[in-house]
Protein backbone atom coordinates (compact mmCIF):
# COMPACT_ATOMS: atom_id res chain seq x y z
CA UNK A 1 79.34 -1.48 -59.61
CA UNK A 2 82.30 -1.62 -57.23
CA UNK A 3 83.72 1.90 -57.03
CA UNK A 4 87.07 0.70 -55.69
CA UNK A 5 87.40 -1.83 -58.52
CA UNK A 6 86.64 0.83 -61.13
CA UNK A 7 89.13 3.19 -59.55
CA UNK A 8 91.83 0.53 -59.63
CA UNK A 9 91.09 -0.26 -63.26
CA UNK A 10 90.94 3.36 -64.43
CA UNK A 11 93.50 5.07 -62.17
CA UNK A 12 96.21 5.22 -64.86
CA UNK A 13 93.79 6.67 -67.42
CA UNK A 14 92.60 9.31 -64.93
CA UNK A 15 96.19 10.14 -63.98
CA UNK A 16 97.06 10.58 -67.64
CA UNK A 17 94.10 12.91 -68.15
CA UNK A 18 95.22 14.96 -65.16
CA UNK A 19 98.75 15.12 -66.56
CA UNK A 20 97.53 16.27 -69.99
CA UNK A 21 95.42 19.03 -68.43
CA UNK A 22 98.52 20.52 -66.77
CA UNK A 23 100.98 20.68 -69.68
CA UNK A 24 101.45 22.34 -73.08
CA UNK A 25 99.91 20.29 -75.85
CA UNK A 26 100.41 19.83 -79.57
CA UNK A 27 97.67 18.61 -81.90
CA UNK A 28 98.06 14.97 -80.93
CA UNK A 29 98.02 15.89 -77.26
CA UNK A 30 94.76 17.81 -77.65
CA UNK A 31 93.19 14.82 -79.41
CA UNK A 32 94.28 12.55 -76.58
CA UNK A 33 92.98 14.99 -73.98
CA UNK A 34 89.54 15.03 -75.64
CA UNK A 35 89.44 11.21 -75.90
CA UNK A 36 90.43 10.69 -72.27
CA UNK A 37 88.05 13.45 -71.14
CA UNK A 38 85.12 11.64 -72.76
CA UNK A 39 86.16 8.33 -71.21
CA UNK A 40 86.52 9.83 -67.75
CA UNK A 41 83.13 11.55 -68.12
CA UNK A 42 81.58 8.15 -68.84
CA UNK A 43 83.32 6.70 -65.77
CA UNK A 44 81.96 9.54 -63.61
CA UNK A 45 78.44 8.96 -64.93
CA UNK A 46 78.74 5.25 -64.07
CA UNK A 47 79.99 6.01 -60.58
CA UNK A 48 77.24 8.50 -59.79
CA UNK A 49 74.47 6.30 -61.20
CA UNK A 50 75.61 3.23 -59.28
CA UNK A 51 77.04 4.45 -55.96
CA UNK A 52 76.15 8.16 -55.89
CA UNK A 53 78.55 10.54 -54.18
CA UNK A 54 81.84 8.88 -53.27
CA UNK A 55 85.53 9.76 -52.88
CA UNK A 56 86.18 8.19 -56.27
CA UNK A 57 83.55 10.31 -58.04
CA UNK A 58 84.82 13.48 -56.32
CA UNK A 59 88.37 12.68 -57.50
CA UNK A 60 87.29 12.15 -61.10
CA UNK A 61 85.10 15.26 -61.01
CA UNK A 62 88.09 17.39 -59.95
CA UNK A 63 90.23 16.01 -62.78
CA UNK A 64 87.45 16.60 -65.30
CA UNK A 65 86.96 20.18 -64.10
CA UNK A 66 90.65 20.95 -64.69
CA UNK A 67 90.56 19.30 -68.10
CA UNK A 68 87.41 21.21 -69.03
CA UNK A 69 89.10 24.51 -68.26
CA UNK A 70 92.00 23.46 -70.44
CA UNK A 71 89.65 22.65 -73.33
CA UNK A 72 87.42 25.71 -73.07
CA UNK A 73 90.05 28.24 -71.99
CA UNK A 74 90.30 30.31 -68.83
CA UNK A 75 91.08 33.91 -68.01
CA UNK A 76 94.41 35.01 -66.66
CA UNK A 77 95.02 35.46 -62.99
CA UNK A 78 93.65 38.85 -61.89
CA UNK A 79 97.07 40.13 -60.81
CA UNK A 80 98.54 39.12 -64.19
CA UNK A 81 95.66 40.85 -65.96
CA UNK A 82 96.27 44.06 -64.02
CA UNK A 83 100.00 43.93 -64.73
CA UNK A 84 99.39 43.27 -68.42
CA UNK A 85 96.88 46.12 -68.61
CA UNK A 86 99.19 48.75 -67.11
CA UNK A 87 102.41 47.59 -68.81
CA UNK A 88 101.08 46.62 -72.26
CA UNK A 89 97.49 47.48 -73.09
CA UNK A 90 97.37 50.94 -71.55
CA UNK A 91 100.67 52.38 -72.92
CA UNK A 92 100.07 50.84 -76.36
CA UNK A 93 96.90 52.88 -76.90
CA UNK A 94 98.36 56.42 -76.52
CA UNK A 95 101.51 55.35 -78.40
CA UNK A 96 99.33 54.84 -81.47
CA UNK A 97 98.22 58.47 -81.10
CA UNK A 98 101.67 60.05 -80.88
CA UNK A 99 101.72 61.76 -84.28
CA UNK A 100 98.11 62.92 -84.10
CA UNK A 101 98.82 64.25 -80.62
CA UNK A 102 101.82 66.19 -81.94
CA UNK A 103 99.77 67.75 -84.74
CA UNK A 104 96.99 68.70 -82.31
CA UNK A 105 99.52 70.17 -79.87
CA UNK A 106 101.16 72.33 -82.54
CA UNK A 107 97.80 73.50 -83.90
CA UNK A 108 96.50 74.32 -80.40
CA UNK A 109 99.64 76.21 -79.45
CA UNK A 110 99.40 78.16 -82.70
CA UNK A 111 95.84 79.18 -81.83
CA UNK A 112 96.85 80.16 -78.28
CA UNK A 113 99.74 82.29 -79.48
CA UNK A 114 97.67 83.76 -82.31
CA UNK A 115 94.85 84.80 -79.98
CA UNK A 116 97.30 86.25 -77.44
CA UNK A 117 99.10 88.28 -80.11
CA UNK A 118 95.78 89.42 -81.60
CA UNK A 119 94.56 90.64 -78.18
CA UNK A 120 97.76 92.46 -77.22
CA UNK A 121 98.15 94.10 -80.63
CA UNK A 122 94.91 96.08 -80.43
CA UNK A 123 93.94 98.08 -77.30
CA UNK A 124 90.35 98.20 -78.58
CA UNK A 125 90.14 94.40 -78.30
CA UNK A 126 91.43 94.52 -74.74
CA UNK A 127 88.86 97.20 -73.87
CA UNK A 128 86.10 95.04 -75.37
CA UNK A 129 86.88 92.30 -72.83
CA UNK A 130 85.89 94.45 -69.84
CA UNK A 131 86.65 97.63 -67.94
CA UNK A 132 90.27 98.55 -67.44
CA UNK A 133 89.89 98.32 -63.65
CA UNK A 134 88.45 94.82 -63.81
CA UNK A 135 91.09 93.60 -66.22
CA UNK A 136 93.85 95.19 -64.13
CA UNK A 137 92.51 93.44 -61.03
CA UNK A 138 92.41 90.15 -62.95
CA UNK A 139 96.03 90.59 -64.03
CA UNK A 140 97.25 91.66 -60.60
CA UNK A 141 95.20 89.41 -58.34
CA UNK A 142 92.50 87.11 -59.75
CA UNK A 143 94.76 85.10 -62.04
CA UNK A 144 97.24 84.18 -59.29
CA UNK A 145 94.72 84.02 -56.43
CA UNK A 146 92.86 81.25 -58.29
CA UNK A 147 95.66 78.84 -57.38
CA UNK A 148 95.69 79.57 -53.64
CA UNK A 149 92.16 80.67 -52.66
CA UNK A 150 91.23 77.07 -51.73
CA UNK A 151 93.13 74.48 -49.63
CA UNK A 152 95.69 72.68 -51.78
CA UNK A 153 94.10 69.23 -51.48
CA UNK A 154 90.63 70.54 -52.28
CA UNK A 155 91.89 72.55 -55.24
CA UNK A 156 93.91 69.60 -56.59
CA UNK A 157 90.85 67.36 -56.40
CA UNK A 158 88.68 69.97 -58.08
CA UNK A 159 90.95 70.50 -61.08
CA UNK A 160 91.63 66.76 -61.33
CA UNK A 161 87.97 65.79 -61.59
CA UNK A 162 87.20 68.65 -63.96
CA UNK A 163 90.07 67.85 -66.33
CA UNK A 164 89.44 64.10 -66.16
CA UNK A 165 85.79 64.72 -67.10
CA UNK A 166 86.86 66.87 -70.07
CA UNK A 167 89.33 64.21 -71.23
CA UNK A 168 86.71 61.46 -70.91
CA UNK A 169 84.28 63.53 -72.98
CA UNK A 170 86.88 63.98 -75.71
CA UNK A 171 87.39 60.20 -75.92
CA UNK A 172 83.84 58.97 -75.45
CA UNK A 173 82.19 61.65 -77.60
CA UNK A 174 84.96 61.54 -80.17
CA UNK A 175 82.75 59.52 -82.49
CA UNK A 176 80.86 62.73 -83.25
CA UNK A 177 83.99 64.20 -84.82
CA UNK A 178 82.93 67.60 -83.47
CA UNK A 179 83.24 67.43 -79.70
CA UNK A 180 87.06 67.01 -79.47
CA UNK A 181 87.59 69.87 -81.93
CA UNK A 182 85.19 72.09 -79.97
CA UNK A 183 86.97 71.31 -76.69
CA UNK A 184 90.38 72.00 -78.23
CA UNK A 185 89.30 75.31 -79.75
CA UNK A 186 87.56 76.45 -76.58
CA UNK A 187 90.60 75.56 -74.49
CA UNK A 188 93.08 77.21 -76.89
CA UNK A 189 91.04 80.42 -77.15
CA UNK A 190 90.56 80.69 -73.38
CA UNK A 191 94.26 80.19 -72.69
CA UNK A 192 95.11 82.67 -75.46
CA UNK A 193 92.75 85.26 -73.96
CA UNK A 194 94.25 84.85 -70.49
CA UNK A 195 97.79 85.14 -71.84
CA UNK A 196 96.83 88.14 -73.98
CA UNK A 197 95.29 90.00 -71.04
CA UNK A 198 98.27 89.30 -68.81
CA UNK A 199 100.74 90.49 -71.43
CA UNK A 200 98.64 93.57 -72.16
CA UNK A 201 98.93 94.61 -68.51
CA UNK A 202 102.63 93.86 -68.20
CA UNK A 203 102.24 90.54 -66.39
CA UNK A 204 103.47 88.22 -69.13
CA UNK A 205 106.16 86.69 -66.94
CA UNK A 206 103.56 85.78 -64.31
CA UNK A 207 101.24 83.97 -66.70
CA UNK A 208 104.08 81.94 -68.18
CA UNK A 209 105.44 80.95 -64.78
CA UNK A 210 102.01 80.00 -63.44
CA UNK A 211 100.93 78.00 -66.48
CA UNK A 212 104.10 76.01 -67.12
CA UNK A 213 104.37 73.81 -63.98
CA UNK A 214 101.03 72.03 -64.36
CA UNK A 215 100.10 73.13 -67.87
CA UNK A 216 102.74 71.05 -69.65
CA UNK A 217 101.21 67.76 -68.51
CA UNK A 218 97.60 68.96 -68.33
CA UNK A 219 97.52 70.23 -71.91
CA UNK A 220 99.35 67.15 -73.19
CA UNK A 221 96.66 64.95 -71.62
CA UNK A 222 93.89 66.93 -73.30
CA UNK A 223 95.71 66.66 -76.63
CA UNK A 224 95.99 62.87 -76.23
CA UNK A 225 92.31 62.61 -75.30
CA UNK A 226 91.29 64.61 -78.37
CA UNK A 227 93.53 62.46 -80.58
CA UNK A 228 91.86 59.31 -79.22
CA UNK A 229 88.41 60.72 -79.89
CA UNK A 230 89.29 61.71 -83.45
CA UNK A 231 90.79 58.27 -84.14
CA UNK A 232 87.53 56.68 -83.01
CA UNK A 233 85.64 59.02 -85.34
CA UNK A 234 87.96 58.12 -88.21
CA UNK A 235 87.46 54.39 -87.58
CA UNK A 236 83.71 54.92 -87.91
CA UNK A 237 84.10 57.15 -90.97
CA UNK A 238 86.61 54.92 -92.79
CA UNK A 239 86.04 51.35 -91.51
CA UNK A 240 88.10 49.59 -94.19
CA UNK A 241 87.30 45.88 -94.59
CA UNK A 242 85.17 45.80 -91.43
CA UNK A 243 81.62 46.97 -91.02
CA UNK A 244 81.26 50.37 -89.38
CA UNK A 245 79.97 48.74 -86.22
CA UNK A 246 82.93 46.35 -85.98
CA UNK A 247 85.47 49.10 -86.71
CA UNK A 248 83.87 51.36 -84.13
CA UNK A 249 83.84 48.56 -81.53
CA UNK A 250 87.54 47.80 -82.04
CA UNK A 251 88.55 51.48 -81.92
CA UNK A 252 86.33 52.11 -78.91
CA UNK A 253 87.78 49.17 -76.96
CA UNK A 254 91.40 49.89 -77.81
CA UNK A 255 91.30 53.67 -77.42
CA UNK A 256 88.75 53.86 -74.63
CA UNK A 257 91.55 52.73 -72.32
CA UNK A 258 93.16 56.13 -72.96
CA UNK A 259 90.47 57.74 -70.80
CA UNK A 260 91.44 55.44 -67.91
CA UNK A 261 95.14 56.24 -68.29
CA UNK A 262 94.48 59.98 -68.44
CA UNK A 263 92.65 59.84 -65.10
CA UNK A 264 95.97 58.89 -63.47
CA UNK A 265 98.00 61.38 -65.51
CA UNK A 266 95.60 64.22 -64.78
CA UNK A 267 95.68 63.22 -61.11
CA UNK A 268 99.42 63.87 -61.20
CA UNK A 269 98.83 67.16 -63.01
CA UNK A 270 96.22 68.13 -60.41
CA UNK A 271 98.70 67.48 -57.60
CA UNK A 272 101.25 69.73 -59.29
CA UNK A 273 98.63 72.44 -59.81
CA UNK A 274 97.32 72.18 -56.27
CA UNK A 275 100.54 71.74 -54.30
CA UNK A 276 103.21 73.34 -56.50
CA UNK A 277 102.01 76.02 -58.95
CA UNK A 278 100.67 78.64 -56.55
CA UNK A 279 102.86 78.02 -53.55
CA UNK A 280 106.16 79.32 -52.24
CA UNK A 281 108.77 77.33 -54.09
CA UNK A 282 111.47 78.80 -56.35
CA UNK A 283 110.24 78.99 -59.93
CA UNK A 284 113.01 76.78 -61.33
CA UNK A 285 111.91 74.09 -58.87
CA UNK A 286 108.24 74.49 -59.83
CA UNK A 287 108.95 74.27 -63.54
CA UNK A 288 111.35 71.38 -62.94
CA UNK A 289 108.64 69.44 -61.10
CA UNK A 290 106.20 70.11 -63.95
CA UNK A 291 108.76 69.03 -66.54
CA UNK A 292 109.47 65.85 -64.55
CA UNK A 293 105.75 65.02 -64.42
CA UNK A 294 105.51 65.48 -68.20
CA UNK A 295 108.65 63.37 -68.72
CA UNK A 296 107.14 60.51 -66.68
CA UNK A 297 103.99 60.59 -68.80
CA UNK A 298 105.89 60.76 -72.10
CA UNK A 299 108.19 57.93 -71.06
CA UNK A 300 105.17 55.79 -70.24
CA UNK A 301 103.45 56.72 -73.50
CA UNK A 302 106.43 56.52 -75.86
CA UNK A 303 108.93 54.08 -74.34
CA UNK A 304 106.58 51.55 -72.76
CA UNK A 305 104.11 52.12 -75.58
CA UNK A 306 106.72 51.38 -78.25
CA UNK A 307 107.73 48.19 -76.44
CA UNK A 308 104.10 47.13 -76.15
CA UNK A 309 103.46 47.76 -79.84
CA UNK A 310 106.47 45.64 -80.78
CA UNK A 311 104.87 42.82 -78.81
CA UNK A 312 101.75 43.12 -80.93
CA UNK A 313 99.63 45.17 -78.52
CA UNK A 314 97.20 47.80 -79.76
CA UNK A 315 95.37 48.59 -76.53
CA UNK A 316 92.49 46.27 -77.45
CA UNK A 317 91.28 43.35 -75.37
CA UNK A 318 92.72 39.92 -76.00
CA UNK A 319 90.73 37.58 -78.26
CA UNK A 320 89.68 35.58 -75.19
CA UNK A 321 88.31 38.75 -73.54
CA UNK A 322 86.72 40.30 -76.63
CA UNK A 323 85.53 37.16 -78.42
CA UNK A 324 86.71 35.69 -81.69
CA UNK A 325 86.71 38.36 -84.41
CA UNK A 326 84.88 38.02 -87.70
CA UNK A 327 87.26 37.06 -90.49
CA UNK A 328 87.28 39.32 -93.53
CA UNK A 329 88.74 38.97 -97.00
CA UNK A 330 91.56 41.17 -98.17
């Protein structure tokens, strides 16, 4: 076979195949692409069997590779995937949790306030927590020294990793239905105890001022993580038309991204706790910085999340990334 003669005879067909592989296609266009792909594949086989490697066979092989990607699908560019993840997938997931997060926040705050009031209302309860000297030292020194006894960067990293680990546990172990509730109760009771002790020893203003700057964002992140975990548990408990495994897989993929997002949010909270809370700035500035950090997170969760949901995002992978779902009746 003369490779040059075949190239001259087939050049228009190969050019048409290359054109089809680069443009949007309707049904007829897809049919034509498949037909021309098969014909070009036969031409490539003839070229390789008769003349082996040649410029003509390399040219046809390149066209066929592009057409094959068009037929079988291809992933997005990595930069586009990253942009899509942070602007659509990631904010869509916590947006779905907004009402559950609000309920959890109100319930947790009620427990904190209830425990604090319970402690301060009965001196016997305060005495049961330790000796008066130890509790007085905690109120006067230990509570505030905690924020400055280590270098700011080291302390910020420590609280960041600890809180991120707690948030990840709430999400990943949420399927148990118990772990997020246990974390929330433990956190609420501990905060309530600290507040109760501080108020009992006349240091209520200190505890409020030290908790607010970082605590607004930090607690919100834990509430979101618990909400994600409980939603995963609910998907397993009440799968609807799907099997339990399928429902759990979808919920785990779409809400597992929350753990990733909270790593960044808790990093911001850790910076506020390490570099702002315990250091010499005016309290209005400290609280303002904490409120700004919370506002940034809520804007990302609610504003970007609402926009992403309107575009059909749920936080789950695309069908190309996750595989074609099983169709169900109903």
